Protein backbone atom coordinates (compact mmCIF):
# COMPACT_ATOMS: atom_id res chain seq x y z
CA UNK A 1 51.47 124.86 -10.29
CA UNK A 2 50.12 123.41 -13.54
CA UNK A 3 52.99 121.88 -15.49
CA UNK A 4 52.86 119.91 -18.74
CA UNK A 5 55.65 117.53 -19.73
CA UNK A 6 56.05 116.57 -23.36
CA UNK A 7 58.17 114.16 -25.43
CA UNK A 8 58.28 113.92 -29.22
CA UNK A 9 60.58 113.78 -32.23
CA UNK A 10 62.13 110.33 -31.85
CA UNK A 11 59.79 107.56 -30.70
CA UNK A 12 56.86 107.17 -28.33
CA UNK A 13 55.64 110.76 -28.05
CA UNK A 14 53.61 111.54 -24.93
CA UNK A 15 52.15 114.26 -22.73
CA UNK A 16 51.85 114.45 -18.95
CA UNK A 17 50.19 116.91 -16.57
CA UNK A 18 50.94 117.94 -13.00
CA UNK A 19 47.90 119.81 -11.67
CA UNK A 20 48.56 121.57 -8.40
CA UNK A 21 50.98 119.15 -6.77
CA UNK A 22 49.76 115.87 -8.29
CA UNK A 23 50.45 113.93 -11.47
CA UNK A 24 46.90 113.63 -12.84
CA UNK A 25 47.39 112.60 -16.48
CA UNK A 26 49.91 110.90 -18.76
CA UNK A 27 49.30 109.25 -22.11
CA UNK A 28 50.97 108.04 -25.30
CA UNK A 29 50.22 109.87 -28.55
CA UNK A 30 50.11 106.52 -30.39
CA UNK A 31 46.83 105.72 -28.64
CA UNK A 32 45.21 108.71 -30.32
CA UNK A 33 46.74 108.42 -33.79
CA UNK A 34 46.89 104.62 -34.11
CA UNK A 35 50.54 104.84 -35.21
CA UNK A 36 52.72 102.48 -33.15
CA UNK A 37 55.53 104.35 -31.34
CA UNK A 38 54.33 107.59 -32.89
CA UNK A 39 57.09 110.22 -32.81
CA UNK A 40 54.99 113.16 -34.01
CA UNK A 41 54.12 116.24 -31.98
CA UNK A 42 51.59 114.97 -29.40
CA UNK A 43 48.72 117.28 -30.32
CA UNK A 44 45.93 115.04 -29.14
CA UNK A 45 47.36 113.92 -25.80
CA UNK A 46 48.38 117.54 -25.20
CA UNK A 47 44.79 118.62 -25.87
CA UNK A 48 43.70 116.23 -23.12
CA UNK A 49 45.95 118.14 -20.72
CA UNK A 50 44.29 121.41 -21.70
CA UNK A 51 40.83 119.84 -21.35
CA UNK A 52 41.63 118.75 -17.80
CA UNK A 53 42.89 122.22 -16.92
CA UNK A 54 39.85 123.96 -18.39
CA UNK A 55 40.21 127.67 -17.70
CA UNK A 56 43.21 127.24 -15.41
CA UNK A 57 46.49 128.68 -16.65
CA UNK A 58 49.53 126.65 -17.67
CA UNK A 59 52.57 127.65 -15.64
CA UNK A 60 55.12 125.76 -17.76
CA UNK A 61 55.56 123.26 -20.61
CA UNK A 62 58.73 121.18 -20.36
CA UNK A 63 60.34 119.28 -23.23
CA UNK A 64 62.21 116.11 -22.30
CA UNK A 65 65.64 116.76 -23.83
CA UNK A 66 68.10 119.34 -25.23
CA UNK A 67 67.92 119.33 -29.03
CA UNK A 68 71.04 121.49 -29.47
CA UNK A 69 73.25 119.04 -27.60
CA UNK A 70 71.66 116.17 -29.53
CA UNK A 71 72.44 117.85 -32.84
CA UNK A 72 75.98 118.47 -31.62
CA UNK A 73 76.35 114.74 -31.01
CA UNK A 74 75.00 113.78 -34.44
CA UNK A 75 77.40 116.10 -36.27
CA UNK A 76 80.49 115.55 -34.12
CA UNK A 77 80.16 111.79 -33.89
CA UNK A 78 79.80 111.61 -37.65
CA UNK A 79 83.03 113.56 -38.03
CA UNK A 80 84.82 111.48 -35.40
CA UNK A 81 83.71 107.95 -36.22
CA UNK A 82 83.09 108.09 -39.96
CA UNK A 83 85.83 110.40 -41.22
CA UNK A 84 82.98 112.69 -42.26
CA UNK A 85 80.22 111.25 -44.41
CA UNK A 86 78.32 114.17 -46.00
CA UNK A 87 75.46 111.89 -47.05
CA UNK A 88 74.71 111.04 -43.41
CA UNK A 89 74.79 114.68 -42.39
CA UNK A 90 72.40 115.62 -45.22
CA UNK A 91 70.02 112.76 -44.33
CA UNK A 92 70.05 113.79 -40.66
CA UNK A 93 69.35 117.43 -41.56
CA UNK A 94 66.45 116.44 -43.84
CA UNK A 95 64.97 114.33 -41.04
CA UNK A 96 65.38 117.17 -38.55
CA UNK A 97 63.81 119.66 -40.94
CA UNK A 98 60.85 117.44 -41.91
CA UNK A 99 60.10 116.52 -38.30
CA UNK A 100 60.80 120.02 -36.90
CA UNK A 101 63.50 118.87 -34.49
CA UNK A 102 65.81 121.89 -34.71
CA UNK A 103 63.82 123.93 -32.22
CA UNK A 104 61.23 121.87 -30.35
CA UNK A 105 60.56 124.77 -27.98
CA UNK A 106 59.56 126.92 -30.94
CA UNK A 107 57.37 124.05 -32.18
CA UNK A 108 55.67 123.91 -28.78
CA UNK A 109 55.07 127.67 -28.90
CA UNK A 110 53.66 127.43 -32.44
CA UNK A 111 51.24 124.63 -31.46
CA UNK A 112 50.12 125.99 -28.07
CA UNK A 113 50.68 129.78 -28.19
CA UNK A 114 51.91 129.57 -24.59
CA UNK A 115 54.34 132.39 -23.76
CA UNK A 116 57.88 131.42 -24.70
CA UNK A 117 59.19 132.26 -21.24
CA UNK A 118 57.05 129.36 -19.94
CA UNK A 119 58.55 126.77 -22.31
CA UNK A 120 61.69 124.98 -21.09
CA UNK A 121 63.60 121.73 -21.47
CA UNK A 122 65.26 119.12 -19.25
CA UNK A 123 68.08 116.91 -20.48
CA UNK A 124 67.06 113.43 -21.64
CA UNK A 125 68.62 111.28 -18.91
CA UNK A 126 67.62 113.80 -16.27
CA UNK A 127 64.01 113.26 -17.42
CA UNK A 128 64.47 109.50 -17.07
CA UNK A 129 66.00 109.82 -13.61
CA UNK A 130 63.20 112.12 -12.45
CA UNK A 131 60.50 109.79 -13.82
CA UNK A 132 61.72 107.02 -11.55
CA UNK A 133 62.96 108.71 -8.36
CA UNK A 134 60.17 111.26 -7.93
CA UNK A 135 57.51 108.53 -8.31
CA UNK A 136 59.33 106.02 -6.10
CA UNK A 137 58.53 105.23 -2.46
CA UNK A 138 62.12 106.05 -1.44
CA UNK A 139 63.26 109.04 0.62
CA UNK A 140 66.74 108.52 -0.84
CA UNK A 141 67.97 106.23 -3.60
CA UNK A 142 70.57 105.21 -6.11
CA UNK A 143 69.27 106.11 -9.59
CA UNK A 144 70.47 104.48 -12.80
CA UNK A 145 69.35 105.24 -16.33
CA UNK A 146 70.18 103.06 -19.33
CA UNK A 147 68.88 103.50 -22.87
CA UNK A 148 70.01 103.83 -26.49
CA UNK A 149 71.14 107.44 -26.45
CA UNK A 150 69.76 110.77 -25.31
CA UNK A 151 71.79 113.81 -26.29
CA UNK A 152 75.30 112.40 -25.74
CA UNK A 153 74.60 110.28 -22.68
CA UNK A 154 73.65 106.62 -22.85
CA UNK A 155 73.75 105.88 -19.12
CA UNK A 156 73.85 107.84 -15.86
CA UNK A 157 74.24 107.19 -12.16
CA UNK A 158 72.67 109.68 -9.77
CA UNK A 159 71.74 109.97 -6.12
CA UNK A 160 68.31 111.17 -5.10
CA UNK A 161 67.42 112.52 -1.68
CA UNK A 162 64.09 114.04 -0.66
CA UNK A 163 63.26 116.11 -3.75
CA UNK A 164 66.72 116.60 -5.25
CA UNK A 165 68.73 114.57 -7.75
CA UNK A 166 72.51 114.82 -8.15
CA UNK A 167 74.21 113.18 -11.13
CA UNK A 168 77.44 111.39 -10.20
CA UNK A 169 78.59 109.62 -13.38
CA UNK A 170 77.61 109.25 -17.01
CA UNK A 171 78.63 107.26 -20.08
CA UNK A 172 78.54 108.81 -23.52
CA UNK A 173 77.80 107.68 -27.05
CA UNK A 174 78.79 105.42 -28.81
CA UNK A 175 79.11 103.18 -25.73
CA UNK A 176 75.51 102.14 -25.13
CA UNK A 177 74.00 98.95 -23.73
CA UNK A 178 70.68 99.99 -25.32
CA UNK A 179 72.19 100.30 -28.81
CA UNK A 180 74.14 97.08 -28.21
CA UNK A 181 70.90 95.17 -27.53
CA UNK A 182 69.11 96.91 -30.41
CA UNK A 183 71.86 95.86 -32.84
CA UNK A 184 71.12 92.23 -31.99
CA UNK A 185 67.40 92.99 -32.26
CA UNK A 186 68.01 94.15 -35.84
CA UNK A 187 70.24 91.16 -36.58
CA UNK A 188 67.48 88.81 -35.39
CA UNK A 189 65.04 90.36 -37.88
CA UNK A 190 63.04 92.69 -35.65
CA UNK A 191 62.44 96.42 -35.68
CA UNK A 192 64.74 98.50 -33.48
CA UNK A 193 62.94 100.31 -30.61
CA UNK A 194 60.04 97.89 -30.99
CA UNK A 195 61.28 94.30 -31.22
CA UNK A 196 63.58 94.16 -28.19
CA UNK A 197 60.93 92.40 -26.10
CA UNK A 198 60.69 89.76 -28.83
CA UNK A 199 64.38 89.02 -28.33
CA UNK A 200 63.66 88.53 -24.61
CA UNK A 201 60.89 86.07 -25.51
CA UNK A 202 63.14 84.23 -28.00
CA UNK A 203 65.96 83.89 -25.48
CA UNK A 204 64.11 81.27 -23.44
CA UNK A 205 64.03 78.92 -26.44
CA UNK A 206 67.79 79.01 -26.99
CA UNK A 207 71.04 78.10 -25.26
CA UNK A 208 73.73 80.76 -24.69
CA UNK A 209 76.16 79.06 -27.09
CA UNK A 210 77.41 82.41 -28.36
CA UNK A 211 78.01 83.79 -24.87
CA UNK A 212 81.79 84.19 -25.25
CA UNK A 213 81.44 85.89 -28.63
CA UNK A 214 78.84 88.34 -27.27
CA UNK A 215 80.69 88.90 -23.99
CA UNK A 216 83.86 90.09 -25.70
CA UNK A 217 81.92 92.96 -27.31
CA UNK A 218 81.28 94.75 -24.01
CA UNK A 219 83.40 95.57 -20.95
CA UNK A 220 82.55 97.20 -17.62
CA UNK A 221 85.15 98.29 -15.08
CA UNK A 222 84.94 99.00 -11.36
CA UNK A 223 84.78 102.75 -12.04
CA UNK A 224 81.40 102.21 -13.71
CA UNK A 225 82.70 103.06 -17.15
CA UNK A 226 81.87 100.63 -19.92
CA UNK A 227 82.83 100.23 -23.55
CA UNK A 228 81.18 98.62 -26.55
CA UNK A 229 83.70 97.33 -29.08
CA UNK A 230 83.03 99.63 -32.02
CA UNK A 231 84.84 97.33 -34.45
CA UNK A 232 81.61 95.34 -34.68
CA UNK A 233 78.92 98.01 -34.77
CA UNK A 234 77.64 100.91 -36.86
CA UNK A 235 75.63 103.05 -34.47
CA UNK A 236 75.95 106.09 -36.72
CA UNK A 237 74.03 104.50 -39.57
CA UNK A 238 76.65 104.37 -42.33
CA UNK A 239 75.35 101.03 -43.55
CA UNK A 240 71.98 99.34 -43.76
CA UNK A 241 72.28 97.80 -40.29
CA UNK A 242 73.57 98.91 -36.87
CA UNK A 243 76.25 96.20 -37.15
CA UNK A 244 78.99 95.59 -39.71
CA UNK A 245 80.85 92.81 -41.57
CA UNK A 246 83.00 91.96 -38.54
CA UNK A 247 79.80 91.32 -36.59
CA UNK A 248 78.46 89.06 -39.34
CA UNK A 249 81.72 87.10 -39.43
CA UNK A 250 81.08 86.26 -35.78
CA UNK A 251 77.32 85.62 -35.87
CA UNK A 252 76.48 84.79 -39.49
CA UNK A 253 73.81 86.10 -41.86
CA UNK A 254 71.08 88.36 -40.39
CA UNK A 255 67.66 86.73 -40.13
CA UNK A 256 65.21 87.90 -42.77
CA UNK A 257 62.30 89.69 -41.02
CA UNK A 258 59.38 88.13 -42.89
CA UNK A 259 60.45 84.49 -42.71
CA UNK A 260 58.03 82.69 -40.39
CA UNK A 261 60.31 79.82 -39.35
CA UNK A 262 63.31 80.74 -37.21
CA UNK A 263 66.47 78.62 -37.26
CA UNK A 264 67.88 77.36 -33.95
CA UNK A 265 71.06 79.46 -34.07
CA UNK A 266 69.03 82.67 -33.88
CA UNK A 267 67.37 81.50 -30.65
CA UNK A 268 70.84 80.71 -29.28
CA UNK A 269 72.09 84.19 -30.21
CA UNK A 270 69.07 85.72 -28.47
CA UNK A 271 69.79 83.64 -25.35
CA UNK A 272 73.42 84.74 -25.41
CA UNK A 273 72.80 88.49 -25.77
CA UNK A 274 70.07 88.34 -23.12
CA UNK A 275 72.39 86.62 -20.63
CA UNK A 276 75.25 89.05 -21.27
CA UNK A 277 72.87 92.01 -20.93
CA UNK A 278 71.44 90.68 -17.66
CA UNK A 279 74.93 90.21 -16.22
CA UNK A 280 75.91 93.71 -17.29
CA UNK A 281 72.81 95.30 -15.71
CA UNK A 282 73.32 93.33 -12.49
CA UNK A 283 76.94 94.44 -12.18
CA UNK A 284 76.17 98.04 -13.14
CA UNK A 285 73.36 98.23 -10.57
CA UNK A 286 75.45 96.74 -7.75
CA UNK A 287 78.41 99.00 -8.48
CA UNK A 288 76.15 102.06 -8.65
CA UNK A 289 74.66 101.20 -5.23
CA UNK A 290 78.17 100.80 -3.82
CA UNK A 291 79.02 104.25 -5.15
CA UNK A 292 76.04 105.99 -3.54
CA UNK A 293 75.79 103.85 -0.43
CA UNK A 294 72.02 103.40 -0.93
CA UNK A 295 70.39 99.98 -1.29
CA UNK A 296 67.30 101.59 -2.82
CA UNK A 297 67.50 101.51 -6.60
CA UNK A 298 65.44 103.50 -9.10
CA UNK A 299 65.89 102.26 -12.67
CA UNK A 300 64.60 103.89 -15.87
CA UNK A 301 65.34 104.31 -19.58
CA UNK A 302 64.30 101.80 -22.22
CA UNK A 303 66.68 99.12 -20.90
CA UNK A 304 64.72 99.13 -17.62
CA UNK A 305 61.89 97.38 -19.51
CA UNK A 306 64.05 94.23 -19.59
CA UNK A 307 61.91 92.24 -17.16
CA UNK A 308 64.32 89.30 -17.00
CA UNK A 309 67.14 91.54 -15.82
CA UNK A 310 64.86 93.19 -13.27
CA UNK A 311 63.89 89.78 -11.92
CA UNK A 312 67.55 88.95 -11.38
CA UNK A 313 68.17 92.23 -9.55
CA UNK A 314 65.33 91.28 -7.19
CA UNK A 315 66.46 87.67 -6.71
CA UNK A 316 70.23 88.03 -6.68
CA UNK A 317 70.91 91.33 -4.89
CA UNK A 318 69.83 93.02 -1.68
CA UNK A 319 68.66 96.10 -3.58
CA UNK A 320 65.12 97.46 -3.27
CA UNK A 321 64.09 97.99 -6.89
CA UNK A 322 61.63 100.52 -8.31
CA UNK A 323 60.94 100.77 -12.05
CA UNK A 324 58.23 103.18 -13.23
CA UNK A 325 55.56 101.72 -15.54
CA UNK A 326 56.63 104.08 -18.36
CA UNK A 327 60.39 103.60 -18.12
CA UNK A 328 61.04 104.57 -21.76
CA UNK A 329 60.73 107.84 -23.67
CA UNK A 330 57.02 108.28 -22.98
CA UNK A 331 57.96 108.42 -19.31
CA UNK A 332 60.37 111.22 -20.20
CA UNK A 333 57.34 113.51 -20.47
CA UNK A 334 56.44 112.65 -16.88
CA UNK A 335 60.03 113.08 -15.71
CA UNK A 336 60.46 116.44 -17.42
CA UNK A 337 57.35 117.81 -15.69
CA UNK A 338 58.36 116.38 -12.29
CA UNK A 339 61.91 117.69 -12.51
CA UNK A 340 60.73 121.21 -13.26
CA UNK A 341 58.07 121.02 -10.52
CA UNK A 342 60.56 120.10 -7.81
CA UNK A 343 63.10 122.65 -9.02
CA UNK A 344 60.48 125.32 -8.30
CA UNK A 345 59.07 123.71 -5.14
CA UNK A 346 62.15 122.56 -3.28
CA UNK A 347 60.42 122.31 0.08
CA UNK A 348 57.59 120.10 -1.15
CA UNK A 349 57.52 116.44 -0.16
CA UNK A 350 57.64 114.21 -3.23
CA UNK A 351 54.54 112.24 -4.14
CA UNK A 352 54.65 108.46 -4.62
CA UNK A 353 53.00 107.07 -7.76
CA UNK A 354 49.53 106.11 -6.59
CA UNK A 355 48.25 104.60 -9.85
CA UNK A 356 49.48 103.80 -13.37
CA UNK A 357 45.98 104.47 -14.73
CA UNK A 358 46.63 108.03 -15.87
CA UNK A 359 45.19 108.07 -19.40
CA UNK A 360 41.81 108.83 -20.92
CA UNK A 361 38.46 107.79 -19.47
CA UNK A 362 35.45 107.38 -21.77
CA UNK A 363 31.88 108.14 -20.74
CA UNK A 364 28.84 105.98 -21.37
CA UNK A 365 27.85 108.45 -24.10
CA UNK A 366 31.23 107.93 -25.80
CA UNK A 367 30.72 104.17 -25.75
CA UNK A 368 27.12 104.39 -27.00
CA UNK A 369 28.23 106.64 -29.83
CA UNK A 370 30.93 104.16 -30.88
CA UNK A 371 28.47 101.25 -30.72
CA UNK A 372 25.87 103.11 -32.80
CA UNK A 373 28.42 103.64 -35.58
CA UNK A 374 29.61 100.03 -35.51
CA UNK A 375 26.32 98.32 -36.43
CA UNK A 376 26.91 95.82 -33.62
CA UNK A 377 23.59 94.49 -32.32
CA UNK A 378 24.45 91.69 -29.91
CA UNK A 379 25.21 93.73 -26.80
CA UNK A 380 23.66 94.66 -23.49
CA UNK A 381 24.34 97.21 -20.78
CA UNK A 382 24.69 95.72 -17.30
CA UNK A 383 24.36 98.47 -14.71
CA UNK A 384 25.19 96.27 -11.74
CA UNK A 385 28.98 95.89 -11.87
CA UNK A 386 28.86 92.76 -9.75
CA UNK A 387 26.55 91.10 -12.29
CA UNK A 388 28.81 92.19 -15.13
CA UNK A 389 31.87 90.68 -13.46
CA UNK A 390 29.96 87.49 -12.72
CA UNK A 391 29.08 87.10 -16.40
CA UNK A 392 32.63 87.88 -17.58
CA UNK A 393 34.22 85.50 -15.07
CA UNK A 394 31.81 82.72 -16.10
CA UNK A 395 32.65 83.32 -19.78
CA UNK A 396 36.39 83.21 -19.08
CA UNK A 397 35.96 79.97 -17.16
CA UNK A 398 34.17 78.53 -20.22
CA UNK A 399 37.24 79.26 -22.35
CA UNK A 400 36.10 82.52 -23.95
CA UNK A 401 38.65 85.23 -24.79
CA UNK A 402 37.63 88.70 -23.59
CA UNK A 403 38.64 92.16 -24.77
CA UNK A 404 38.60 94.37 -21.65
CA UNK A 405 38.27 98.17 -22.06
CA UNK A 406 37.39 99.61 -18.65
CA UNK A 407 38.27 102.83 -16.79
CA UNK A 408 41.28 105.05 -17.42
CA UNK A 409 44.05 103.65 -19.63
CA UNK A 410 47.42 102.69 -18.21
CA UNK A 411 50.69 104.54 -18.91
CA UNK A 412 53.58 102.47 -20.22
CA UNK A 413 53.89 99.63 -22.73
CA UNK A 414 52.27 96.93 -20.57
CA UNK A 415 48.52 96.36 -20.36
CA UNK A 416 47.70 96.32 -16.64
CA UNK A 417 44.00 95.53 -16.63
CA UNK A 418 42.41 98.55 -18.30
CA UNK A 419 43.11 97.81 -21.99
CA UNK A 420 43.69 94.05 -21.93
CA UNK A 421 42.88 90.82 -23.70
CA UNK A 422 42.00 88.26 -21.01
CA UNK A 423 41.75 84.48 -20.99
CA UNK A 424 41.82 81.40 -18.76
CA UNK A 425 45.51 80.55 -18.04
CA UNK A 426 44.70 76.83 -17.71
CA UNK A 427 43.95 76.22 -21.40
CA UNK A 428 46.79 74.20 -23.00
CA UNK A 429 46.07 75.70 -26.44
CA UNK A 430 45.30 79.24 -25.27
CA UNK A 431 48.76 80.67 -25.93
CA UNK A 432 48.82 79.47 -29.54
CA UNK A 433 45.21 80.54 -30.07
CA UNK A 434 45.81 84.11 -28.95
CA UNK A 435 49.15 84.43 -30.77
CA UNK A 436 47.88 82.99 -34.06
CA UNK A 437 44.15 83.85 -34.24
CA UNK A 438 43.89 87.01 -32.18
CA UNK A 439 47.21 88.85 -31.97
CA UNK A 440 48.52 87.43 -35.30
CA UNK A 441 52.08 87.34 -33.99
CA UNK A 442 55.03 85.00 -33.41
CA UNK A 443 54.17 81.78 -31.57
CA UNK A 444 57.17 82.04 -29.21
CA UNK A 445 55.76 85.16 -27.56
CA UNK A 446 54.71 84.52 -23.92
CA UNK A 447 51.74 85.89 -22.02
CA UNK A 448 51.60 87.37 -18.56
CA UNK A 449 49.57 86.27 -15.55
CA UNK A 450 47.58 88.83 -13.55
CA UNK A 451 47.41 87.47 -10.02
CA UNK A 452 45.85 88.76 -6.81
CA UNK A 453 48.79 90.29 -4.93
CA UNK A 454 48.19 88.46 -1.68
CA UNK A 455 48.27 85.07 -3.45
CA UNK A 456 51.18 85.69 -5.82
CA UNK A 457 53.83 83.94 -3.73
CA UNK A 458 51.73 80.76 -3.67
CA UNK A 459 52.04 80.32 -7.44
CA UNK A 460 55.28 82.18 -8.26
CA UNK A 461 58.75 82.21 -6.73
CA UNK A 462 58.68 85.85 -5.64
CA UNK A 463 61.47 86.71 -3.20
CA UNK A 464 60.75 90.35 -2.42
CA UNK A 465 58.03 91.62 -0.13
CA UNK A 466 55.35 92.98 -2.46
CA UNK A 467 53.97 96.48 -2.03
CA UNK A 468 52.11 99.06 -4.12
CA UNK A 469 55.30 100.04 -5.96
CA UNK A 470 56.90 96.67 -6.64
CA UNK A 471 58.03 96.09 -10.27
CA UNK A 472 55.62 93.15 -10.38
CA UNK A 473 52.69 95.58 -10.20
CA UNK A 474 53.68 96.94 -13.61
CA UNK A 475 54.62 93.61 -15.24
CA UNK A 476 58.30 94.57 -15.10
CA UNK A 477 59.82 91.49 -13.50
CA UNK A 478 60.14 87.80 -14.27
CA UNK A 479 59.54 85.09 -11.67
CA UNK A 480 59.60 81.31 -11.84
CA UNK A 481 56.26 79.49 -11.84
CA UNK A 482 56.31 77.07 -8.92
CA UNK A 483 56.75 73.49 -10.09
CA UNK A 484 53.43 72.17 -8.78
CA UNK A 485 51.47 74.77 -10.83
CA UNK A 486 53.26 74.60 -14.18
CA UNK A 487 50.97 71.92 -15.62
CA UNK A 488 47.92 73.75 -14.27
CA UNK A 489 48.95 77.09 -15.87
CA UNK A 490 50.37 76.26 -19.33
CA UNK A 491 49.13 79.42 -21.05
CA UNK A 492 51.23 81.74 -18.85
CA UNK A 493 54.21 79.45 -18.18
CA UNK A 494 57.02 80.25 -20.62
CA UNK A 495 59.21 77.50 -22.05
CA UNK A 496 61.81 78.17 -19.30
CA UNK A 497 59.14 77.87 -16.56
CA UNK A 498 59.01 81.62 -15.87
CA UNK A 499 56.28 84.24 -16.15
CA UNK A 500 56.21 88.03 -16.38
CA UNK A 501 53.99 88.43 -13.36
CA UNK A 502 51.55 91.26 -12.76
CA UNK A 503 50.40 91.50 -9.17
CA UNK A 504 47.03 93.19 -8.69
CA UNK A 505 46.19 95.17 -5.56
CA UNK A 506 42.58 96.11 -4.88
CA UNK A 507 43.69 99.68 -4.13
CA UNK A 508 45.25 100.01 -7.61
CA UNK A 509 42.43 98.63 -9.76
CA UNK A 510 39.39 97.50 -7.79
CA UNK A 511 37.22 96.35 -10.70
CA UNK A 512 40.02 94.24 -12.22
CA UNK A 513 40.85 92.80 -8.80
CA UNK A 514 37.20 91.88 -8.30
CA UNK A 515 37.06 90.23 -11.73
CA UNK A 516 40.02 87.98 -10.87
CA UNK A 517 38.38 87.19 -7.55
CA UNK A 518 35.16 86.21 -9.37
CA UNK A 519 37.15 84.06 -11.78
CA UNK A 520 38.72 82.30 -8.79
CA UNK A 521 35.24 81.45 -7.51
CA UNK A 522 34.65 79.48 -10.74
CA UNK A 523 38.13 78.13 -11.45
CA UNK A 524 39.79 77.87 -8.04
CA UNK A 525 42.75 80.00 -9.18
CA UNK A 526 43.24 83.76 -8.64
CA UNK A 527 44.96 84.30 -11.99
CA UNK A 528 44.03 85.52 -15.47
CA UNK A 529 46.08 85.51 -18.65
CA UNK A 530 46.58 89.18 -19.57
CA UNK A 531 48.01 90.60 -22.78
CA UNK A 532 47.75 94.02 -24.37
CA UNK A 533 44.56 94.83 -26.28
CA UNK A 534 45.93 95.25 -29.80
CA UNK A 535 46.79 93.39 -32.96
CA UNK A 536 50.34 92.89 -34.21
CA UNK A 537 51.79 96.21 -35.38
CA UNK A 538 49.12 98.33 -33.69
CA UNK A 539 49.38 100.29 -30.45
CA UNK A 540 47.20 99.37 -27.48
CA UNK A 541 43.64 100.41 -28.34
CA UNK A 542 42.96 104.02 -27.45
CA UNK A 543 39.23 104.50 -27.99
CA UNK A 544 36.01 102.44 -27.88
CA UNK A 545 36.03 102.47 -31.69
CA UNK A 546 39.57 101.06 -31.73
CA UNK A 547 38.44 98.35 -29.32
CA UNK A 548 35.43 97.48 -31.50
CA UNK A 549 37.54 97.30 -34.66
CA UNK A 550 40.11 95.04 -32.98
CA UNK A 551 37.30 92.86 -31.61
CA UNK A 552 35.77 92.47 -35.08
CA UNK A 553 39.15 91.86 -36.77
CA UNK A 554 40.26 89.07 -34.45
CA UNK A 555 39.16 85.92 -32.68
CA UNK A 556 38.15 87.70 -29.47
CA UNK A 557 34.81 86.24 -28.31
CA UNK A 558 33.52 88.96 -25.97
CA UNK A 559 34.15 92.68 -25.67
CA UNK A 560 33.63 94.67 -22.48
CA UNK A 561 33.32 98.43 -22.98
CA UNK A 562 32.69 99.98 -19.59
CA UNK A 563 29.44 98.34 -18.48
CA UNK A 564 28.56 97.02 -21.95
CA UNK A 565 28.81 93.28 -22.63
CA UNK A 566 29.22 92.61 -26.36
CA UNK A 567 29.26 89.23 -28.11
CA UNK A 568 30.01 88.41 -31.72
CA UNK A 569 27.07 87.65 -33.98
CA UNK A 570 26.56 83.90 -34.38
């Protein structure tokens, strides 16, 4: 079967393709349009699916949620929680009309002209659950999903076995750990659905002095039901913020977004909400596993991108954790397609995720075309890949910063060695250099180490046995940098002595693995600093032209486009 999964209308639109019995493509629309977290109909990523299929027919297109139930929630919750606010209803209807949300299946038909009887939907949290379990290495597993809100649900617990998923429990709006964390994200001056990872980075610089105040806002019982104290929040959007005056009486004045300096109390609030969230996720995960009886745990939804919480699950429980690289809404496109596939092929054995590199690949002609339009002159093509890697590794060892655009792009929000900015992790000023002169972002933001998988435990306190599907492969877990290497690796050691580790297996990404190996031959360490190839406010670069523009607009020294080695004019 040829099945396309699709997500759009809210944030992080994406398309995914199952061809035959294999997931062969998945990509974010933002990497085509250049609009960060693009919510528009994913025309361009969808076109890639059709290109791959060629003359083959499409058996089904699956949307990742039920718009009717979502609309029901918006209207009914407004009536229930706000004593009916007609302005909110009107604003919601205008948004739904402008962005064609009332009937996404009709929108899909209009854009694709695929027969309507081939266009279906899967509920939001079902898409999340499918995106994790069906890609996991587990025959059976506990499955938890946590995010802001889907239709009505904000969290689910399911049990997966072979190629079937059974939902056991769910929690409904307005009780949402995702919205809870996002409210603090807004309070701390960052954009909701974008700045949550900044709060995680801030947390390490603070002390959890507000722990008791944050803790009292959320409760979880043994029956796996939880409540967010609605006396402090405005999740329906009556006011300007997702929190209210009661919240501000507890935590003070919201931080202004464009103020560069950040007062100490905001770091302490970030530390407090991060700690409370980690404890909640730990307890929720353990209780869910007790309910199902399975120590395997699949975790998805936007909250599953909280790498610090994932690290604690690995270190502090006996659960075997799998988190897909695209745990958020973009992954919903993958999950929708997988769920439909297995509903129609119930005897098929599920396929484990073999690679996160599921996006576009650009040919040498594509790269040459982009270079010819750029007026760049100082470049050379190096046909021998070994020679190319030798030159790049030598440059990195000399302190150069490299933009790396090689092979198929990765799915998910983390750069995994296909669309990356790379540097030597030993440079004491490298973190500030990249934050201030290249990424143009907050100085407290940490960088990740890419490390050869077989040497990871030498440098990092990794408790679990690494394999091809460990969260560390997708930069989705935090580990402590071992004490003896902290001075050696200042650029990837966060202020709390941790790092968001990415382990690199040769089988996953051979060319990137070989580059790190070459760098080790110069430096003695099998580690590179790796951050996403983009500037602040932009998505990860999607095309060679995007890569060239970012290279020219920043302090990156060298750009690698396929087998092309490009230096700035001196």
